[in-house]
Amino acid sequence: MQRIAGLDENEAAIYALGIERGVITTRDAMGATKLRQTTAGEILRRLSKRGFFRASISEAGGKGGRGHAQRFAVENPKTALKIVLESIDRFQDLLGQIDEHLEVIGSQGSVDEEMWELSPDTLVSQFVASVGSCSSSVKVVSNDCSWVSSDEIREAFKAASVRGVMITVRAAHVSAKDSETLSGCGVRLEELRARGQPFALVDDRILYLPVKTGSLRSEYSGMCTSNPYLVGNFLSLFENLSSSRRRTGK
């Protein structure tokens, strides 16, 4: 896998430790590589930018002058190596074992309190993966629904709708074309009276917040969390949003 992923020895050691533990810190990366903590941290942050990890939002200036240690949650190889794996089938058995391992780690609830950074390269793929495994609902608040142009999101919505997942999109402005597209994906559309912060909730337990980062073109990074307090606040916001009740779809 190291050769396929294009990782050097230290990068591979850190990623392997991430897969083993689920969440690691720069100190853990130092132990895995025998490098200085600053060097190991640079490698870990570089891997995060490449999509192999999600980084928590770092906090500076904690009590007693000590900050909150930044944590890094491993990304499933199916997400991190999506483009490469599209043409490779021989890793499926190995990835299935890793899937089971990561599900066990995820069920332990060790990462629920963190807010995780998502790069522009991993935001859509991470959201699509969540939609692909959801069982009850997807709730989206949007401004112009420009994300409808994403083939991955449309296909994920269609598949989820077929499984009986209720998908609701509340948007401030939706073109006739986008409205028709959403309807074709089995989406229930409600038009809002005012614009606001876009967000999405998957199964009422995972919150996604897109953040516009492109200066010359519309590019979005994002954040996600399963923190019950934050998820609960945004769920209440979704339920209380004023809507003009123009609906399509289910």
C-alpha atoms as a PDB file:
ATOM      1  CA  MET A   1       0.000   0.000   0.000  1.00  0.00           C
ATOM      2  CA  GLN A   2       2.917   2.357   0.741  1.00  0.00           C
ATOM      3  CA  ARG A   3       4.048   2.291  -2.887  1.00  0.00           C
ATOM      4  CA  ILE A   4       0.539   2.732  -4.270  1.00  0.00           C
ATOM      5  CA  ALA A   5      -0.134   5.649  -1.926  1.00  0.00           C
ATOM      6  CA  GLY A   6       3.146   7.358  -2.809  1.00  0.00           C
ATOM      7  CA  LEU A   7       4.287   7.570   0.827  1.00  0.00           C
ATOM      8  CA  ASP A   8       7.867   7.603   2.042  1.00  0.00           C
ATOM      9  CA  GLU A   9       8.983   5.519   5.028  1.00  0.00           C
ATOM     10  CA  ASN A  10       8.112   8.107   7.681  1.00  0.00           C
ATOM     11  CA  GLU A  11       4.773   9.030   6.072  1.00  0.00           C
ATOM     12  CA  ALA A  12       3.842   5.344   5.831  1.00  0.00           C
ATOM     13  CA  ALA A  13       4.749   4.765   9.497  1.00  0.00           C
ATOM     14  CA  ILE A  14       2.562   7.672  10.616  1.00  0.00           C
ATOM     15  CA  TYR A  15      -0.381   6.633   8.428  1.00  0.00           C
ATOM     16  CA  ALA A  16      -0.094   3.024   9.648  1.00  0.00           C
ATOM     17  CA  LEU A  17      -0.192   4.262  13.248  1.00  0.00           C
ATOM     18  CA  GLY A  18      -3.253   6.349  12.371  1.00  0.00           C
ATOM     19  CA  ILE A  19      -5.037   3.297  10.970  1.00  0.00           C
ATOM     20  CA  GLU A  20      -4.109   1.316  14.081  1.00  0.00           C
ATOM     21  CA  ARG A  21      -5.327   3.913  16.591  1.00  0.00           C
ATOM     22  CA  GLY A  22      -7.861   5.996  14.687  1.00  0.00           C
ATOM     23  CA  VAL A  23      -6.707   9.304  16.195  1.00  0.00           C
ATOM     24  CA  ILE A  24      -3.125  10.429  16.841  1.00  0.00           C
ATOM     25  CA  THR A  25      -1.154  13.536  17.835  1.00  0.00           C
ATOM     26  CA  THR A  26       2.212  14.923  16.762  1.00  0.00           C
ATOM     27  CA  ARG A  27       3.753  13.244  19.814  1.00  0.00           C
ATOM     28  CA  ASP A  28       2.437   9.890  18.584  1.00  0.00           C
ATOM     29  CA  ALA A  29       3.880  10.617  15.131  1.00  0.00           C
ATOM     30  CA  MET A  30       7.236  11.378  16.757  1.00  0.00           C
ATOM     31  CA  GLY A  31       7.188   8.003  18.491  1.00  0.00           C
ATOM     32  CA  ALA A  32       6.348   6.195  15.262  1.00  0.00           C
ATOM     33  CA  THR A  33       9.209   7.779  13.281  1.00  0.00           C
ATOM     34  CA  LYS A  34      11.880   8.585  15.897  1.00  0.00           C
ATOM     35  CA  LEU A  35      11.992  12.094  14.417  1.00  0.00           C
ATOM     36  CA  ARG A  36      11.803  15.312  16.412  1.00  0.00           C
ATOM     37  CA  GLN A  37       8.241  16.286  17.294  1.00  0.00           C
ATOM     38  CA  THR A  38       8.318  19.408  15.099  1.00  0.00           C
ATOM     39  CA  THR A  39       9.466  17.380  12.072  1.00  0.00           C
ATOM     40  CA  ALA A  40       6.958  14.600  12.708  1.00  0.00           C
ATOM     41  CA  GLY A  41       4.240  17.240  13.112  1.00  0.00           C
ATOM     42  CA  GLU A  42       5.112  18.787   9.754  1.00  0.00           C
ATOM     43  CA  ILE A  43       4.782  15.367   8.098  1.00  0.00           C
ATOM     44  CA  LEU A  44       1.457  14.763   9.841  1.00  0.00           C
ATOM     45  CA  ARG A  45       0.058  18.114   8.716  1.00  0.00           C
ATOM     46  CA  ARG A  46       1.289  17.457   5.180  1.00  0.00           C
ATOM     47  CA  LEU A  47      -0.516  14.114   5.181  1.00  0.00           C
ATOM     48  CA  SER A  48      -3.627  15.916   6.397  1.00  0.00           C
ATOM     49  CA  LYS A  49      -3.485  18.310   3.443  1.00  0.00           C
ATOM     50  CA  ARG A  50      -3.138  15.325   1.110  1.00  0.00           C
ATOM     51  CA  GLY A  51      -6.297  13.783   2.564  1.00  0.00           C
ATOM     52  CA  PHE A  52      -4.846  10.982   4.717  1.00  0.00           C
ATOM     53  CA  PHE A  53      -5.980  12.589   7.998  1.00  0.00           C
ATOM     54  CA  ARG A  54      -8.503  15.105   9.309  1.00  0.00           C
ATOM     55  CA  ALA A  55      -6.985  17.668  11.638  1.00  0.00           C
ATOM     56  CA  SER A  56      -8.864  19.034  14.619  1.00  0.00           C
ATOM     57  CA  ILE A  57      -9.181  22.790  14.983  1.00  0.00           C
ATOM     58  CA  SER A  58      -6.117  23.731  17.056  1.00  0.00           C
ATOM     59  CA  GLU A  59      -6.584  25.880  20.114  1.00  0.00           C
ATOM     60  CA  ALA A  60      -3.914  28.209  21.490  1.00  0.00           C
ATOM     61  CA  GLY A  61      -3.457  29.651  24.961  1.00  0.00           C
ATOM     62  CA  GLY A  62      -5.171  27.142  27.205  1.00  0.00           C
ATOM     63  CA  LYS A  63      -5.187  27.191  30.997  1.00  0.00           C
ATOM     64  CA  GLY A  64      -1.730  27.651  32.483  1.00  0.00           C
ATOM     65  CA  GLY A  65      -0.322  28.644  29.089  1.00  0.00           C
ATOM     66  CA  ARG A  66      -0.881  25.214  27.599  1.00  0.00           C
ATOM     67  CA  GLY A  67      -2.997  24.807  24.511  1.00  0.00           C
ATOM     68  CA  HIS A  68      -5.239  21.972  23.374  1.00  0.00           C
ATOM     69  CA  ALA A  69      -3.144  19.361  21.559  1.00  0.00           C
ATOM     70  CA  GLN A  70      -4.151  19.152  17.912  1.00  0.00           C
ATOM     71  CA  ARG A  71      -5.444  15.703  17.024  1.00  0.00           C
ATOM     72  CA  PHE A  72      -5.522  13.935  13.669  1.00  0.00           C
ATOM     73  CA  ALA A  73      -8.185  11.370  12.732  1.00  0.00           C
ATOM     74  CA  VAL A  74      -7.199   8.890  10.055  1.00  0.00           C
ATOM     75  CA  GLU A  75      -9.108   8.865   6.778  1.00  0.00           C
ATOM     76  CA  ASN A  76     -10.186   5.555   5.306  1.00  0.00           C
ATOM     77  CA  PRO A  77      -7.868   4.575   2.410  1.00  0.00           C
ATOM     78  CA  LYS A  78     -10.964   4.355   0.219  1.00  0.00           C
ATOM     79  CA  THR A  79     -11.346   8.113   0.684  1.00  0.00           C
ATOM     80  CA  ALA A  80      -7.672   9.107   0.791  1.00  0.00           C
ATOM     81  CA  LEU A  81      -6.773   7.044  -2.278  1.00  0.00           C
ATOM     82  CA  LYS A  82     -10.043   7.313  -4.160  1.00  0.00           C
ATOM     83  CA  ILE A  83      -8.561   8.228  -7.541  1.00  0.00           C
ATOM     84  CA  VAL A  84      -5.873   5.540  -7.358  1.00  0.00           C
ATOM     85  CA  LEU A  85      -8.212   2.841  -6.118  1.00  0.00           C
ATOM     86  CA  GLU A  86     -10.733   3.397  -8.896  1.00  0.00           C
ATOM     87  CA  SER A  87      -8.435   1.356 -11.157  1.00  0.00           C
ATOM     88  CA  ILE A  88      -7.198  -1.143  -8.568  1.00  0.00           C
ATOM     89  CA  ASP A  89      -9.223  -4.106  -7.319  1.00  0.00           C
ATOM     90  CA  ARG A  90      -6.593  -6.221  -5.579  1.00  0.00           C
ATOM     91  CA  PHE A  91      -6.735  -4.200  -2.350  1.00  0.00           C
ATOM     92  CA  GLN A  92     -10.431  -4.813  -1.653  1.00  0.00           C
ATOM     93  CA  ASP A  93      -9.875  -7.652   0.824  1.00  0.00           C
ATOM     94  CA  LEU A  94      -7.350  -5.592   2.787  1.00  0.00           C
ATOM     95  CA  LEU A  95      -9.592  -2.528   2.737  1.00  0.00           C
ATOM     96  CA  GLY A  96     -12.486  -4.596   4.011  1.00  0.00           C
ATOM     97  CA  GLN A  97     -10.448  -5.571   7.077  1.00  0.00           C
ATOM     98  CA  ILE A  98      -9.458  -1.936   7.630  1.00  0.00           C
ATOM     99  CA  ASP A  99     -13.132  -0.921   7.285  1.00  0.00           C
ATOM    100  CA  GLU A 100     -14.064  -3.288  10.101  1.00  0.00           C
ATOM    101  CA  HIS A 101     -11.211  -2.025  12.265  1.00  0.00           C
ATOM    102  CA  LEU A 102     -12.118   1.647  11.765  1.00  0.00           C
ATOM    103  CA  GLU A 103     -15.805   0.918  12.487  1.00  0.00           C
ATOM    104  CA  VAL A 104     -14.789  -0.598  15.827  1.00  0.00           C
ATOM    105  CA  ILE A 105     -12.672   2.445  16.650  1.00  0.00           C
ATOM    106  CA  GLY A 106     -15.479   4.791  15.582  1.00  0.00           C
ATOM    107  CA  SER A 107     -17.984   2.990  17.793  1.00  0.00           C
ATOM    108  CA  GLN A 108     -15.835   3.772  20.827  1.00  0.00           C
ATOM    109  CA  GLY A 109     -16.788   7.445  20.505  1.00  0.00           C
ATOM    110  CA  SER A 110     -13.255   8.772  21.049  1.00  0.00           C
ATOM    111  CA  VAL A 111     -13.484  11.504  18.396  1.00  0.00           C
ATOM    112  CA  ASP A 112     -17.017  12.813  19.025  1.00  0.00           C
ATOM    113  CA  GLU A 113     -15.963  15.985  20.813  1.00  0.00           C
ATOM    114  CA  GLU A 114     -13.605  17.339  18.159  1.00  0.00           C
ATOM    115  CA  MET A 115     -14.183  19.703  15.250  1.00  0.00           C
ATOM    116  CA  TRP A 116     -12.303  18.319  12.248  1.00  0.00           C
ATOM    117  CA  GLU A 117     -10.853  20.244   9.302  1.00  0.00           C
ATOM    118  CA  LEU A 118     -11.612  19.009   5.782  1.00  0.00           C
ATOM    119  CA  SER A 119      -9.537  20.159   2.820  1.00  0.00           C
ATOM    120  CA  PRO A 120     -11.177  21.123  -0.490  1.00  0.00           C
ATOM    121  CA  ASP A 121     -10.001  17.762  -1.857  1.00  0.00           C
ATOM    122  CA  THR A 122     -11.719  15.712   0.863  1.00  0.00           C
ATOM    123  CA  LEU A 123     -14.822  17.737   1.790  1.00  0.00           C
ATOM    124  CA  VAL A 124     -17.081  16.300  -0.918  1.00  0.00           C
ATOM    125  CA  SER A 125     -15.737  12.743  -0.686  1.00  0.00           C
ATOM    126  CA  GLN A 126     -16.144  12.715   3.112  1.00  0.00           C
ATOM    127  CA  PHE A 127     -19.711  14.058   2.894  1.00  0.00           C
ATOM    128  CA  VAL A 128     -20.586  11.567   0.146  1.00  0.00           C
ATOM    129  CA  ALA A 129     -19.186   8.722   2.254  1.00  0.00           C
ATOM    130  CA  SER A 130     -21.389   9.801   5.185  1.00  0.00           C
ATOM    131  CA  VAL A 131     -24.466   9.978   2.948  1.00  0.00           C
ATOM    132  CA  GLY A 132     -23.578   6.565   1.556  1.00  0.00           C
ATOM    133  CA  SER A 133     -23.683   4.990   5.007  1.00  0.00           C
ATOM    134  CA  CYS A 134     -26.577   6.968   6.503  1.00  0.00           C
ATOM    135  CA  SER A 135     -29.794   5.226   7.484  1.00  0.00           C
ATOM    136  CA  SER A 136     -32.477   7.825   8.228  1.00  0.00           C
ATOM    137  CA  SER A 137     -32.006  11.430   7.084  1.00  0.00           C
ATOM    138  CA  VAL A 138     -29.906  14.087   5.383  1.00  0.00           C
ATOM    139  CA  LYS A 139     -30.724  17.717   6.153  1.00  0.00           C
ATOM    140  CA  VAL A 140     -29.071  20.503   4.137  1.00  0.00           C
ATOM    141  CA  VAL A 141     -29.256  24.292   4.443  1.00  0.00           C
ATOM    142  CA  SER A 142     -27.842  26.095   1.428  1.00  0.00           C
ATOM    143  CA  ASN A 143     -27.813  29.451  -0.279  1.00  0.00           C
ATOM    144  CA  ASP A 144     -27.691  28.798  -4.033  1.00  0.00           C
ATOM    145  CA  CYS A 145     -27.352  24.990  -4.298  1.00  0.00           C
ATOM    146  CA  SER A 146     -24.297  25.316  -6.570  1.00  0.00           C
ATOM    147  CA  TRP A 147     -23.095  21.996  -5.162  1.00  0.00           C
ATOM    148  CA  VAL A 148     -25.810  20.259  -7.213  1.00  0.00           C
ATOM    149  CA  SER A 149     -23.280  20.266 -10.074  1.00  0.00           C
ATOM    150  CA  SER A 150     -21.288  17.574  -8.238  1.00  0.00           C
ATOM    151  CA  ASP A 151     -21.903  14.178  -9.823  1.00  0.00           C
ATOM    152  CA  GLU A 152     -20.787  12.471  -6.594  1.00  0.00           C
ATOM    153  CA  ILE A 153     -23.337  14.281  -4.444  1.00  0.00           C
ATOM    154  CA  ARG A 154     -26.193  13.721  -6.903  1.00  0.00           C
ATOM    155  CA  GLU A 155     -25.471  10.008  -7.136  1.00  0.00           C
ATOM    156  CA  ALA A 156     -25.144   9.708  -3.356  1.00  0.00           C
ATOM    157  CA  PHE A 157     -28.507  11.437  -2.883  1.00  0.00           C
ATOM    158  CA  LYS A 158     -30.185   9.196  -5.454  1.00  0.00           C
ATOM    159  CA  ALA A 159     -28.837   6.041  -3.826  1.00  0.00           C
ATOM    160  CA  ALA A 160     -29.804   7.223  -0.340  1.00  0.00           C
ATOM    161  CA  SER A 161     -33.309   8.107  -1.519  1.00  0.00           C
ATOM    162  CA  VAL A 162     -33.732   4.619  -2.955  1.00  0.00           C
ATOM    163  CA  ARG A 163     -32.797   3.215   0.465  1.00  0.00           C
ATOM    164  CA  GLY A 164     -35.619   5.239   2.016  1.00  0.00           C
ATOM    165  CA  VAL A 165     -33.477   8.007   3.498  1.00  0.00           C
ATOM    166  CA  MET A 166     -35.374  11.298   3.855  1.00  0.00           C
ATOM    167  CA  ILE A 167     -33.360  14.078   2.194  1.00  0.00           C
ATOM    168  CA  THR A 168     -34.473  17.651   2.868  1.00  0.00           C
ATOM    169  CA  VAL A 169     -32.792  20.713   1.359  1.00  0.00           C
ATOM    170  CA  ARG A 170     -33.736  24.191   2.551  1.00  0.00           C
ATOM    171  CA  ALA A 171     -32.254  26.883   0.302  1.00  0.00           C
ATOM    172  CA  ALA A 172     -32.501  30.651  -0.090  1.00  0.00           C
ATOM    173  CA  HIS A 173     -32.256  30.673  -3.872  1.00  0.00           C
ATOM    174  CA  VAL A 174     -32.720  27.729  -6.222  1.00  0.00           C
ATOM    175  CA  SER A 175     -32.810  27.965  -9.996  1.00  0.00           C
ATOM    176  CA  ALA A 176     -35.493  26.094 -11.900  1.00  0.00           C
ATOM    177  CA  LYS A 177     -32.831  23.771 -13.314  1.00  0.00           C
ATOM    178  CA  ASP A 178     -31.358  22.956  -9.888  1.00  0.00           C
ATOM    179  CA  SER A 179     -34.848  22.467  -8.475  1.00  0.00           C
ATOM    180  CA  GLU A 180     -35.604  19.924 -11.179  1.00  0.00           C
ATOM    181  CA  THR A 181     -32.277  18.181 -10.582  1.00  0.00           C
ATOM    182  CA  LEU A 182     -32.894  17.921  -6.851  1.00  0.00           C
ATOM    183  CA  SER A 183     -36.371  16.583  -7.420  1.00  0.00           C
ATOM    184  CA  GLY A 184     -34.875  13.918  -9.702  1.00  0.00           C
ATOM    185  CA  CYS A 185     -32.577  12.886  -6.846  1.00  0.00           C
ATOM    186  CA  GLY A 186     -35.544  12.292  -4.528  1.00  0.00           C
ATOM    187  CA  VAL A 187     -34.927  15.464  -2.541  1.00  0.00           C
ATOM    188  CA  ARG A 188     -37.616  17.374  -0.675  1.00  0.00           C
ATOM    189  CA  LEU A 189     -36.889  21.049  -1.392  1.00  0.00           C
ATOM    190  CA  GLU A 190     -38.036  23.997   0.726  1.00  0.00           C
ATOM    191  CA  GLU A 191     -37.170  27.560  -0.243  1.00  0.00           C
ATOM    192  CA  LEU A 192     -36.004  29.845   2.571  1.00  0.00           C
ATOM    193  CA  ARG A 193     -36.742  33.536   2.829  1.00  0.00           C
ATOM    194  CA  ALA A 194     -33.203  34.561   3.861  1.00  0.00           C
ATOM    195  CA  ARG A 195     -29.597  33.523   3.292  1.00  0.00           C
ATOM    196  CA  GLY A 196     -27.415  32.183   6.087  1.00  0.00           C
ATOM    197  CA  GLN A 197     -24.587  29.821   7.025  1.00  0.00           C
ATOM    198  CA  PRO A 198     -24.778  26.641   4.921  1.00  0.00           C
ATOM    199  CA  PHE A 199     -24.568  23.343   6.778  1.00  0.00           C
ATOM    200  CA  ALA A 200     -25.577  19.709   6.508  1.00  0.00           C
ATOM    201  CA  LEU A 201     -26.645  17.100   9.043  1.00  0.00           C
ATOM    202  CA  VAL A 202     -26.381  13.373   8.356  1.00  0.00           C
ATOM    203  CA  ASP A 203     -28.582  11.090  10.483  1.00  0.00           C
ATOM    204  CA  ASP A 204     -28.859  13.982  12.990  1.00  0.00           C
ATOM    205  CA  ARG A 205     -25.420  13.034  14.325  1.00  0.00           C
ATOM    206  CA  ILE A 206     -22.750  14.356  11.916  1.00  0.00           C
ATOM    207  CA  LEU A 207     -22.501  18.081  11.167  1.00  0.00           C
ATOM    208  CA  TYR A 208     -20.753  19.498   8.077  1.00  0.00           C
ATOM    209  CA  LEU A 209     -19.907  23.199   7.758  1.00  0.00           C
ATOM    210  CA  PRO A 210     -18.487  24.380   4.399  1.00  0.00           C
ATOM    211  CA  VAL A 211     -16.106  27.347   4.413  1.00  0.00           C
ATOM    212  CA  LYS A 212     -15.370  29.334   1.256  1.00  0.00           C
ATOM    213  CA  THR A 213     -11.603  29.523   0.755  1.00  0.00           C
ATOM    214  CA  GLY A 214     -11.053  30.279  -2.946  1.00  0.00           C
ATOM    215  CA  SER A 215     -10.126  33.894  -3.680  1.00  0.00           C
ATOM    216  CA  LEU A 216     -10.373  33.701  -7.469  1.00  0.00           C
ATOM    217  CA  ARG A 217     -13.013  30.977  -7.762  1.00  0.00           C
ATOM    218  CA  SER A 218     -15.566  29.302  -5.553  1.00  0.00           C
ATOM    219  CA  GLU A 219     -13.632  26.674  -3.609  1.00  0.00           C
ATOM    220  CA  TYR A 220     -14.714  25.249  -0.294  1.00  0.00           C
ATOM    221  CA  SER A 221     -12.905  23.576   2.546  1.00  0.00           C
ATOM    222  CA  GLY A 222     -14.920  22.604   5.573  1.00  0.00           C
ATOM    223  CA  MET A 223     -15.321  21.293   9.082  1.00  0.00           C
ATOM    224  CA  CYS A 224     -17.211  18.333  10.475  1.00  0.00           C
ATOM    225  CA  THR A 225     -18.052  17.092  13.942  1.00  0.00           C
ATOM    226  CA  SER A 226     -20.190  14.628  15.846  1.00  0.00           C
ATOM    227  CA  ASN A 227     -20.111  16.760  18.989  1.00  0.00           C
ATOM    228  CA  PRO A 228     -23.617  16.285  20.452  1.00  0.00           C
ATOM    229  CA  TYR A 229     -23.878  19.901  21.629  1.00  0.00           C
ATOM    230  CA  LEU A 230     -23.013  21.421  18.253  1.00  0.00           C
ATOM    231  CA  VAL A 231     -25.087  18.895  16.333  1.00  0.00           C
ATOM    232  CA  GLY A 232     -28.047  19.600  18.601  1.00  0.00           C
ATOM    233  CA  ASN A 233     -27.745  23.365  18.102  1.00  0.00           C
ATOM    234  CA  PHE A 234     -27.696  23.096  14.327  1.00  0.00           C
ATOM    235  CA  LEU A 235     -30.530  20.566  14.356  1.00  0.00           C
ATOM    236  CA  SER A 236     -32.622  23.095  16.296  1.00  0.00           C
ATOM    237  CA  LEU A 237     -31.609  25.804  13.828  1.00  0.00           C
ATOM    238  CA  PHE A 238     -32.695  23.614  10.924  1.00  0.00           C
ATOM    239  CA  GLU A 239     -36.068  22.893  12.492  1.00  0.00           C
ATOM    240  CA  ASN A 240     -36.689  26.574  13.304  1.00  0.00           C
ATOM    241  CA  LEU A 241     -35.674  28.076   9.950  1.00  0.00           C
ATOM    242  CA  SER A 242     -38.422  30.127   8.366  1.00  0.00           C
ATOM    243  CA  SER A 243     -39.554  28.595   5.107  1.00  0.00           C
ATOM    244  CA  SER A 244     -41.894  29.696   2.370  1.00  0.00           C
ATOM    245  CA  ARG A 245     -42.854  26.012   2.063  1.00  0.00           C
ATOM    246  CA  ARG A 246     -42.391  25.652  -1.681  1.00  0.00           C
ATOM    247  CA  ARG A 247     -41.670  21.947  -1.870  1.00  0.00           C
ATOM    248  CA  THR A 248     -40.684  19.419  -4.493  1.00  0.00           C
ATOM    249  CA  GLY A 249     -39.765  15.770  -4.379  1.00  0.00           C
ATOM    250  CA  LYS A 250     -40.692  13.445  -1.542  1.00  0.00           C
END
